[in-house]
N, C-alpha and C. Protein backbone atom coordinates (compact mmCIF):
# COMPACT_ATOMS: atom_id res chain seq x y z
N MET A 1 -3.97 17.74 -31.02
CA MET A 1 -4.86 17.30 -29.96
C MET A 1 -4.04 16.81 -28.79
N ASN A 2 -4.45 17.11 -27.58
CA ASN A 2 -3.80 16.57 -26.39
C ASN A 2 -3.95 15.07 -26.38
N GLU A 3 -2.92 14.41 -25.87
CA GLU A 3 -3.05 12.96 -25.75
C GLU A 3 -3.84 12.66 -24.48
N PRO A 4 -4.93 11.92 -24.62
CA PRO A 4 -5.71 11.59 -23.43
C PRO A 4 -4.95 10.60 -22.55
N HIS A 5 -4.97 10.85 -21.25
CA HIS A 5 -4.35 9.94 -20.29
C HIS A 5 -5.43 8.98 -19.81
N LEU A 6 -5.24 7.69 -20.10
CA LEU A 6 -6.24 6.68 -19.77
C LEU A 6 -5.62 5.56 -18.96
N SER A 7 -6.38 5.05 -18.01
CA SER A 7 -5.97 3.83 -17.33
C SER A 7 -6.15 2.68 -18.32
N GLN A 8 -5.51 1.56 -18.04
CA GLN A 8 -5.66 0.40 -18.91
C GLN A 8 -7.12 -0.03 -18.98
N GLN A 9 -7.84 0.05 -17.84
CA GLN A 9 -9.25 -0.34 -17.80
C GLN A 9 -10.09 0.56 -18.71
N ALA A 10 -9.85 1.87 -18.65
CA ALA A 10 -10.61 2.79 -19.50
C ALA A 10 -10.28 2.55 -20.97
N TYR A 11 -9.01 2.32 -21.28
CA TYR A 11 -8.60 2.05 -22.66
C TYR A 11 -9.31 0.80 -23.18
N ASP A 12 -9.31 -0.27 -22.38
CA ASP A 12 -9.96 -1.52 -22.79
C ASP A 12 -11.46 -1.32 -22.99
N ARG A 13 -12.09 -0.54 -22.10
CA ARG A 13 -13.53 -0.27 -22.21
C ARG A 13 -13.83 0.50 -23.49
N LEU A 14 -12.97 1.46 -23.84
CA LEU A 14 -13.18 2.24 -25.06
C LEU A 14 -12.96 1.40 -26.31
N VAL A 15 -12.01 0.46 -26.27
CA VAL A 15 -11.80 -0.45 -27.40
C VAL A 15 -13.06 -1.30 -27.60
N GLU A 16 -13.65 -1.79 -26.50
CA GLU A 16 -14.89 -2.57 -26.59
C GLU A 16 -16.02 -1.73 -27.17
N GLU A 17 -16.13 -0.48 -26.72
CA GLU A 17 -17.17 0.41 -27.24
C GLU A 17 -16.98 0.64 -28.74
N LEU A 18 -15.74 0.86 -29.17
CA LEU A 18 -15.46 1.05 -30.59
C LEU A 18 -15.84 -0.19 -31.39
N ASP A 19 -15.49 -1.36 -30.89
CA ASP A 19 -15.85 -2.60 -31.58
C ASP A 19 -17.36 -2.74 -31.72
N GLU A 20 -18.10 -2.42 -30.66
CA GLU A 20 -19.56 -2.50 -30.68
C GLU A 20 -20.15 -1.50 -31.67
N ARG A 21 -19.66 -0.26 -31.61
CA ARG A 21 -20.21 0.79 -32.47
C ARG A 21 -19.86 0.60 -33.94
N SER A 22 -18.68 0.07 -34.22
CA SER A 22 -18.27 -0.08 -35.63
C SER A 22 -18.69 -1.43 -36.20
N GLY A 23 -19.22 -2.30 -35.38
CA GLY A 23 -19.68 -3.61 -35.85
C GLY A 23 -21.18 -3.76 -35.71
N PRO A 24 -21.63 -4.43 -34.64
CA PRO A 24 -23.06 -4.74 -34.48
C PRO A 24 -23.97 -3.51 -34.50
N ARG A 25 -23.59 -2.43 -33.83
CA ARG A 25 -24.48 -1.27 -33.81
C ARG A 25 -24.58 -0.64 -35.19
N ARG A 26 -23.47 -0.55 -35.90
CA ARG A 26 -23.49 0.03 -37.25
C ARG A 26 -24.41 -0.79 -38.16
N ARG A 27 -24.32 -2.13 -38.09
CA ARG A 27 -25.18 -3.00 -38.91
C ARG A 27 -26.65 -2.83 -38.54
N MET A 28 -26.94 -2.74 -37.24
CA MET A 28 -28.33 -2.58 -36.78
C MET A 28 -28.92 -1.28 -37.32
N ILE A 29 -28.15 -0.20 -37.26
CA ILE A 29 -28.64 1.10 -37.75
C ILE A 29 -28.86 1.04 -39.26
N THR A 30 -27.95 0.41 -39.98
CA THR A 30 -28.09 0.28 -41.43
C THR A 30 -29.37 -0.49 -41.77
N GLU A 31 -29.64 -1.55 -41.01
CA GLU A 31 -30.87 -2.33 -41.24
C GLU A 31 -32.11 -1.49 -40.96
N ARG A 32 -32.07 -0.66 -39.91
CA ARG A 32 -33.22 0.22 -39.60
C ARG A 32 -33.45 1.21 -40.73
N ILE A 33 -32.38 1.74 -41.30
CA ILE A 33 -32.51 2.68 -42.41
C ILE A 33 -33.14 1.99 -43.61
N GLU A 34 -32.69 0.77 -43.92
CA GLU A 34 -33.24 0.02 -45.05
C GLU A 34 -34.72 -0.29 -44.85
N ARG A 35 -35.10 -0.71 -43.64
CA ARG A 35 -36.52 -0.98 -43.36
C ARG A 35 -37.36 0.29 -43.51
N ALA A 36 -36.82 1.40 -43.04
CA ALA A 36 -37.56 2.67 -43.13
C ALA A 36 -37.70 3.10 -44.59
N ARG A 37 -36.70 2.85 -45.41
CA ARG A 37 -36.78 3.20 -46.84
C ARG A 37 -37.89 2.43 -47.54
N GLU A 38 -38.11 1.21 -47.11
CA GLU A 38 -39.14 0.38 -47.71
C GLU A 38 -40.55 0.92 -47.46
N LEU A 39 -40.67 1.80 -46.46
CA LEU A 39 -41.98 2.36 -46.13
C LEU A 39 -42.42 3.44 -47.11
N GLY A 40 -41.53 3.86 -47.98
CA GLY A 40 -41.94 4.83 -48.99
C GLY A 40 -41.33 6.20 -48.82
N ASP A 41 -42.14 7.23 -49.00
CA ASP A 41 -41.73 8.63 -49.02
C ASP A 41 -40.77 8.96 -47.87
N LEU A 42 -39.54 9.31 -48.21
CA LEU A 42 -38.53 9.58 -47.20
C LEU A 42 -38.67 10.98 -46.59
N LYS A 43 -39.33 11.89 -47.30
CA LYS A 43 -39.49 13.25 -46.80
C LYS A 43 -40.21 13.29 -45.46
N GLU A 44 -41.24 12.49 -45.32
CA GLU A 44 -42.06 12.53 -44.11
C GLU A 44 -41.97 11.23 -43.33
N ASN A 45 -40.87 10.55 -43.47
CA ASN A 45 -40.68 9.26 -42.80
C ASN A 45 -39.87 9.46 -41.52
N ALA A 46 -40.55 9.52 -40.40
CA ALA A 46 -39.89 9.79 -39.11
C ALA A 46 -38.91 8.68 -38.74
N ASP A 47 -39.25 7.43 -39.04
CA ASP A 47 -38.34 6.32 -38.74
C ASP A 47 -37.02 6.48 -39.49
N TYR A 48 -37.12 6.86 -40.75
CA TYR A 48 -35.92 7.04 -41.56
C TYR A 48 -35.04 8.16 -40.98
N HIS A 49 -35.66 9.30 -40.68
CA HIS A 49 -34.89 10.44 -40.15
C HIS A 49 -34.28 10.12 -38.79
N ALA A 50 -35.00 9.41 -37.95
CA ALA A 50 -34.46 9.03 -36.64
C ALA A 50 -33.26 8.09 -36.81
N ALA A 51 -33.38 7.14 -37.71
CA ALA A 51 -32.28 6.20 -37.95
C ALA A 51 -31.07 6.92 -38.54
N LYS A 52 -31.29 7.86 -39.45
CA LYS A 52 -30.18 8.62 -40.03
C LYS A 52 -29.50 9.49 -38.96
N ASP A 53 -30.30 10.07 -38.06
CA ASP A 53 -29.72 10.86 -36.96
C ASP A 53 -28.87 9.96 -36.06
N GLU A 54 -29.40 8.79 -35.74
CA GLU A 54 -28.66 7.85 -34.91
C GLU A 54 -27.37 7.42 -35.61
N GLN A 55 -27.44 7.22 -36.91
CA GLN A 55 -26.25 6.85 -37.67
C GLN A 55 -25.19 7.95 -37.59
N GLY A 56 -25.61 9.18 -37.71
CA GLY A 56 -24.67 10.31 -37.63
C GLY A 56 -24.00 10.39 -36.27
N LEU A 57 -24.78 10.22 -35.21
CA LEU A 57 -24.22 10.25 -33.86
C LEU A 57 -23.25 9.09 -33.63
N ASN A 58 -23.64 7.92 -34.12
CA ASN A 58 -22.78 6.75 -33.95
C ASN A 58 -21.46 6.94 -34.69
N GLU A 59 -21.52 7.41 -35.92
CA GLU A 59 -20.30 7.59 -36.70
C GLU A 59 -19.40 8.66 -36.10
N ALA A 60 -20.00 9.70 -35.52
CA ALA A 60 -19.20 10.74 -34.85
C ALA A 60 -18.46 10.15 -33.65
N ARG A 61 -19.14 9.32 -32.88
CA ARG A 61 -18.50 8.69 -31.72
C ARG A 61 -17.42 7.71 -32.17
N VAL A 62 -17.65 6.99 -33.25
CA VAL A 62 -16.63 6.07 -33.78
C VAL A 62 -15.36 6.87 -34.12
N ARG A 63 -15.51 7.99 -34.82
CA ARG A 63 -14.35 8.81 -35.17
C ARG A 63 -13.65 9.34 -33.93
N GLN A 64 -14.44 9.78 -32.94
CA GLN A 64 -13.87 10.29 -31.70
C GLN A 64 -13.07 9.19 -30.98
N LEU A 65 -13.65 8.00 -30.88
CA LEU A 65 -12.97 6.89 -30.23
C LEU A 65 -11.69 6.50 -30.97
N GLU A 66 -11.76 6.43 -32.30
CA GLU A 66 -10.57 6.07 -33.07
C GLU A 66 -9.44 7.06 -32.82
N GLN A 67 -9.76 8.33 -32.84
CA GLN A 67 -8.74 9.35 -32.61
C GLN A 67 -8.20 9.28 -31.18
N MET A 68 -9.09 9.13 -30.22
CA MET A 68 -8.68 9.07 -28.82
C MET A 68 -7.77 7.87 -28.57
N LEU A 69 -8.16 6.71 -29.07
CA LEU A 69 -7.36 5.50 -28.85
C LEU A 69 -6.03 5.57 -29.58
N ARG A 70 -6.01 6.20 -30.73
CA ARG A 70 -4.77 6.35 -31.50
C ARG A 70 -3.77 7.23 -30.73
N ASN A 71 -4.28 8.25 -30.03
CA ASN A 71 -3.41 9.21 -29.33
C ASN A 71 -3.27 8.95 -27.84
N ALA A 72 -3.94 7.93 -27.33
CA ALA A 72 -3.99 7.71 -25.88
C ALA A 72 -2.63 7.36 -25.30
N LYS A 73 -2.44 7.83 -24.09
CA LYS A 73 -1.27 7.45 -23.30
C LYS A 73 -1.79 6.66 -22.11
N ILE A 74 -1.35 5.41 -21.99
CA ILE A 74 -1.79 4.57 -20.87
C ILE A 74 -0.96 4.95 -19.65
N VAL A 75 -1.65 5.25 -18.55
CA VAL A 75 -0.95 5.62 -17.32
C VAL A 75 -1.28 4.62 -16.23
N GLU A 76 -0.28 4.34 -15.44
CA GLU A 76 -0.47 3.54 -14.23
C GLU A 76 -0.93 4.49 -13.14
N ALA A 77 -1.47 3.93 -12.06
CA ALA A 77 -1.85 4.77 -10.93
C ALA A 77 -0.62 5.54 -10.47
N GLY A 78 -0.76 6.86 -10.34
CA GLY A 78 0.36 7.70 -9.93
C GLY A 78 0.73 7.48 -8.48
N ASP A 79 1.93 7.93 -8.13
CA ASP A 79 2.32 7.83 -6.72
C ASP A 79 1.72 9.00 -5.95
N ALA A 80 1.95 9.05 -4.69
CA ALA A 80 1.32 10.07 -3.85
C ALA A 80 2.22 11.28 -3.62
N ASN A 81 3.28 11.44 -4.43
CA ASN A 81 4.20 12.55 -4.22
C ASN A 81 3.80 13.82 -4.96
N ALA A 82 3.12 13.66 -6.07
CA ALA A 82 2.76 14.83 -6.88
C ALA A 82 1.48 14.54 -7.66
N VAL A 83 0.76 15.59 -7.98
CA VAL A 83 -0.46 15.45 -8.78
C VAL A 83 -0.06 15.03 -10.19
N ALA A 84 -0.65 13.93 -10.64
CA ALA A 84 -0.36 13.39 -11.97
C ALA A 84 -1.56 12.58 -12.43
N PRO A 85 -1.65 12.26 -13.72
CA PRO A 85 -2.74 11.39 -14.17
C PRO A 85 -2.71 10.08 -13.39
N GLY A 86 -3.88 9.63 -12.97
CA GLY A 86 -3.99 8.39 -12.21
C GLY A 86 -3.95 8.59 -10.70
N THR A 87 -3.94 9.85 -10.27
CA THR A 87 -4.00 10.11 -8.83
C THR A 87 -5.35 10.70 -8.47
N VAL A 88 -5.70 10.53 -7.20
CA VAL A 88 -6.88 11.17 -6.64
C VAL A 88 -6.37 12.29 -5.75
N VAL A 89 -6.85 13.48 -5.99
CA VAL A 89 -6.37 14.64 -5.25
C VAL A 89 -7.53 15.29 -4.52
N ALA A 90 -7.29 15.66 -3.27
CA ALA A 90 -8.29 16.41 -2.49
C ALA A 90 -7.88 17.87 -2.52
N LEU A 91 -8.82 18.73 -2.86
CA LEU A 91 -8.54 20.16 -3.03
C LEU A 91 -9.45 21.02 -2.18
N GLU A 92 -8.87 22.08 -1.65
CA GLU A 92 -9.67 23.17 -1.07
C GLU A 92 -9.65 24.27 -2.11
N ILE A 93 -10.81 24.63 -2.61
CA ILE A 93 -10.89 25.64 -3.65
C ILE A 93 -11.39 26.94 -3.03
N ASP A 94 -10.58 27.97 -3.17
CA ASP A 94 -10.89 29.31 -2.64
C ASP A 94 -11.31 29.26 -1.17
N GLY A 95 -10.58 28.50 -0.37
CA GLY A 95 -10.82 28.47 1.07
C GLY A 95 -12.00 27.63 1.52
N ASP A 96 -12.53 26.75 0.66
CA ASP A 96 -13.62 25.86 1.07
C ASP A 96 -13.22 25.12 2.34
N GLU A 97 -14.18 24.89 3.21
CA GLU A 97 -13.89 24.15 4.43
C GLU A 97 -13.79 22.66 4.16
N GLU A 98 -14.60 22.15 3.26
CA GLU A 98 -14.59 20.72 2.92
C GLU A 98 -13.80 20.50 1.63
N PRO A 99 -12.74 19.71 1.68
CA PRO A 99 -12.02 19.41 0.43
C PRO A 99 -12.88 18.57 -0.50
N THR A 100 -12.66 18.73 -1.78
CA THR A 100 -13.34 17.95 -2.80
C THR A 100 -12.32 17.06 -3.48
N GLU A 101 -12.66 15.76 -3.68
CA GLU A 101 -11.74 14.84 -4.32
C GLU A 101 -12.01 14.74 -5.82
N TYR A 102 -10.94 14.69 -6.58
CA TYR A 102 -11.01 14.56 -8.03
C TYR A 102 -10.04 13.47 -8.48
N LEU A 103 -10.43 12.73 -9.50
CA LEU A 103 -9.53 11.81 -10.17
C LEU A 103 -8.90 12.58 -11.33
N ILE A 104 -7.59 12.61 -11.37
CA ILE A 104 -6.88 13.32 -12.43
C ILE A 104 -6.71 12.36 -13.62
N GLY A 105 -7.20 12.76 -14.78
CA GLY A 105 -7.09 11.91 -15.96
C GLY A 105 -8.03 12.37 -17.05
N SER A 106 -8.42 11.45 -17.90
CA SER A 106 -9.33 11.73 -19.00
C SER A 106 -10.77 11.65 -18.52
N ILE A 107 -11.62 12.45 -19.10
CA ILE A 107 -13.05 12.41 -18.78
C ILE A 107 -13.63 11.03 -19.08
N GLU A 108 -12.97 10.28 -19.93
CA GLU A 108 -13.44 8.93 -20.28
C GLU A 108 -13.24 7.92 -19.16
N GLU A 109 -12.57 8.30 -18.09
CA GLU A 109 -12.38 7.39 -16.96
C GLU A 109 -13.72 7.06 -16.29
N ARG A 110 -14.62 8.02 -16.21
CA ARG A 110 -15.97 7.81 -15.67
C ARG A 110 -16.01 6.94 -14.42
N ASP A 111 -15.47 7.44 -13.34
CA ASP A 111 -15.46 6.72 -12.07
C ASP A 111 -16.59 7.28 -11.22
N ASP A 112 -17.49 6.42 -10.76
CA ASP A 112 -18.64 6.87 -9.98
C ASP A 112 -18.25 7.47 -8.64
N ARG A 113 -17.07 7.14 -8.15
CA ARG A 113 -16.66 7.62 -6.83
C ARG A 113 -16.12 9.04 -6.85
N TYR A 114 -15.60 9.49 -7.99
CA TYR A 114 -14.94 10.80 -8.06
C TYR A 114 -15.37 11.55 -9.30
N GLU A 115 -15.33 12.87 -9.19
CA GLU A 115 -15.42 13.68 -10.40
C GLU A 115 -14.07 13.58 -11.08
N VAL A 116 -14.07 13.56 -12.39
CA VAL A 116 -12.82 13.46 -13.13
C VAL A 116 -12.39 14.86 -13.54
N LEU A 117 -11.12 15.14 -13.30
CA LEU A 117 -10.53 16.43 -13.66
C LEU A 117 -9.54 16.18 -14.78
N SER A 118 -9.85 16.68 -15.95
CA SER A 118 -9.02 16.46 -17.13
C SER A 118 -7.68 17.18 -16.99
N THR A 119 -6.64 16.54 -17.48
CA THR A 119 -5.32 17.16 -17.46
C THR A 119 -5.23 18.32 -18.45
N SER A 120 -6.18 18.43 -19.36
CA SER A 120 -6.16 19.53 -20.32
C SER A 120 -7.03 20.71 -19.87
N SER A 121 -7.74 20.57 -18.75
CA SER A 121 -8.55 21.68 -18.23
C SER A 121 -7.64 22.70 -17.56
N PRO A 122 -8.09 23.94 -17.41
CA PRO A 122 -7.25 24.95 -16.76
C PRO A 122 -6.82 24.53 -15.34
N LEU A 123 -7.75 23.97 -14.57
CA LEU A 123 -7.39 23.53 -13.22
C LEU A 123 -6.45 22.33 -13.27
N GLY A 124 -6.73 21.38 -14.15
CA GLY A 124 -5.85 20.22 -14.28
C GLY A 124 -4.43 20.62 -14.64
N GLN A 125 -4.29 21.54 -15.58
CA GLN A 125 -2.96 22.01 -15.98
C GLN A 125 -2.25 22.72 -14.83
N ALA A 126 -3.00 23.49 -14.04
CA ALA A 126 -2.40 24.22 -12.92
C ALA A 126 -1.93 23.26 -11.82
N LEU A 127 -2.57 22.10 -11.70
CA LEU A 127 -2.27 21.17 -10.61
C LEU A 127 -1.15 20.18 -10.91
N ILE A 128 -0.93 19.85 -12.17
CA ILE A 128 0.05 18.82 -12.51
C ILE A 128 1.41 19.18 -11.89
N GLY A 129 1.96 18.21 -11.15
CA GLY A 129 3.27 18.38 -10.52
C GLY A 129 3.23 18.98 -9.13
N LYS A 130 2.09 19.45 -8.68
CA LYS A 130 1.99 20.05 -7.35
C LYS A 130 2.03 18.97 -6.27
N ALA A 131 2.49 19.34 -5.07
CA ALA A 131 2.59 18.42 -3.94
C ALA A 131 1.60 18.83 -2.86
N VAL A 132 1.42 17.97 -1.86
CA VAL A 132 0.53 18.26 -0.74
C VAL A 132 0.99 19.55 -0.07
N GLY A 133 0.04 20.45 0.18
CA GLY A 133 0.33 21.73 0.80
C GLY A 133 0.55 22.85 -0.19
N ASP A 134 0.83 22.52 -1.44
CA ASP A 134 1.03 23.55 -2.47
C ASP A 134 -0.27 24.28 -2.76
N GLU A 135 -0.15 25.56 -3.05
CA GLU A 135 -1.28 26.35 -3.50
C GLU A 135 -0.97 26.86 -4.90
N THR A 136 -2.01 26.98 -5.69
CA THR A 136 -1.86 27.52 -7.03
C THR A 136 -3.13 28.29 -7.38
N ALA A 137 -2.99 29.20 -8.31
CA ALA A 137 -4.15 29.95 -8.78
C ALA A 137 -4.38 29.56 -10.24
N TYR A 138 -5.64 29.58 -10.64
CA TYR A 138 -5.97 29.32 -12.03
C TYR A 138 -7.15 30.17 -12.42
N GLU A 139 -7.26 30.42 -13.72
CA GLU A 139 -8.33 31.26 -14.23
C GLU A 139 -9.44 30.36 -14.78
N THR A 140 -10.66 30.59 -14.32
CA THR A 140 -11.80 29.83 -14.79
C THR A 140 -12.17 30.29 -16.20
N PRO A 141 -12.98 29.51 -16.90
CA PRO A 141 -13.43 29.95 -18.23
C PRO A 141 -14.17 31.29 -18.19
N ARG A 142 -14.72 31.64 -17.03
CA ARG A 142 -15.42 32.93 -16.90
C ARG A 142 -14.49 34.04 -16.43
N LYS A 143 -13.18 33.78 -16.54
CA LYS A 143 -12.13 34.77 -16.24
C LYS A 143 -12.05 35.15 -14.76
N LYS A 144 -12.51 34.27 -13.88
CA LYS A 144 -12.37 34.49 -12.45
C LYS A 144 -11.15 33.69 -11.98
N THR A 145 -10.32 34.29 -11.15
CA THR A 145 -9.14 33.61 -10.64
C THR A 145 -9.47 32.99 -9.29
N LEU A 146 -9.22 31.68 -9.17
CA LEU A 146 -9.46 30.95 -7.93
C LEU A 146 -8.15 30.39 -7.40
N THR A 147 -8.05 30.33 -6.08
CA THR A 147 -6.88 29.75 -5.43
C THR A 147 -7.24 28.35 -4.96
N VAL A 148 -6.34 27.40 -5.21
CA VAL A 148 -6.58 26.00 -4.89
C VAL A 148 -5.42 25.50 -4.05
N LYS A 149 -5.75 24.77 -2.98
CA LYS A 149 -4.72 24.16 -2.13
C LYS A 149 -4.85 22.64 -2.22
N VAL A 150 -3.71 21.97 -2.42
CA VAL A 150 -3.68 20.51 -2.48
C VAL A 150 -3.64 19.99 -1.04
N VAL A 151 -4.68 19.27 -0.65
CA VAL A 151 -4.80 18.75 0.72
C VAL A 151 -4.20 17.35 0.81
N SER A 152 -4.49 16.51 -0.19
CA SER A 152 -3.93 15.16 -0.19
C SER A 152 -3.85 14.63 -1.61
N ILE A 153 -2.96 13.66 -1.79
CA ILE A 153 -2.78 12.99 -3.07
C ILE A 153 -2.62 11.51 -2.78
N ARG A 154 -3.30 10.69 -3.56
CA ARG A 154 -3.13 9.24 -3.41
C ARG A 154 -3.40 8.57 -4.74
N PRO A 155 -2.83 7.38 -4.91
CA PRO A 155 -3.12 6.64 -6.14
C PRO A 155 -4.60 6.23 -6.17
N VAL A 156 -5.17 6.16 -7.36
CA VAL A 156 -6.54 5.71 -7.48
C VAL A 156 -6.57 4.23 -7.13
N ASP A 157 -7.63 3.83 -6.42
CA ASP A 157 -7.71 2.41 -6.02
C ASP A 157 -8.69 1.66 -6.87
């Protein structure tokens, strides 16, 4: 698995989420399952099935968080010399007139100001190490080749 690049803030937020999901939320779901079992026939018990579904989703996220945090690489805000995790990059894609800004890093960064561009995505991989003015081509998942020009790079604020 690729090591996710996370800011310290994102790492801390994910640790809090893991603590919540593996502690209080897990206990709450277990209690809901027990209450639903007391209602009788489990075959047609919608509360029981909903609680079991929620338990499955919660446990899947717990495993995902544990793996992500175990493999995470904490990155500081990158400098403005090259595209790297922790930088905000403005791109012209296939000659667009208006550049689009992206935060380079893990999708778990979830910044409302920017779309996050994962370092493991085809575009993210093509951009790492590029400087302002550089152009690169990358293949989309639909096998279309697009040309991208780096307009600006700056550390995330």
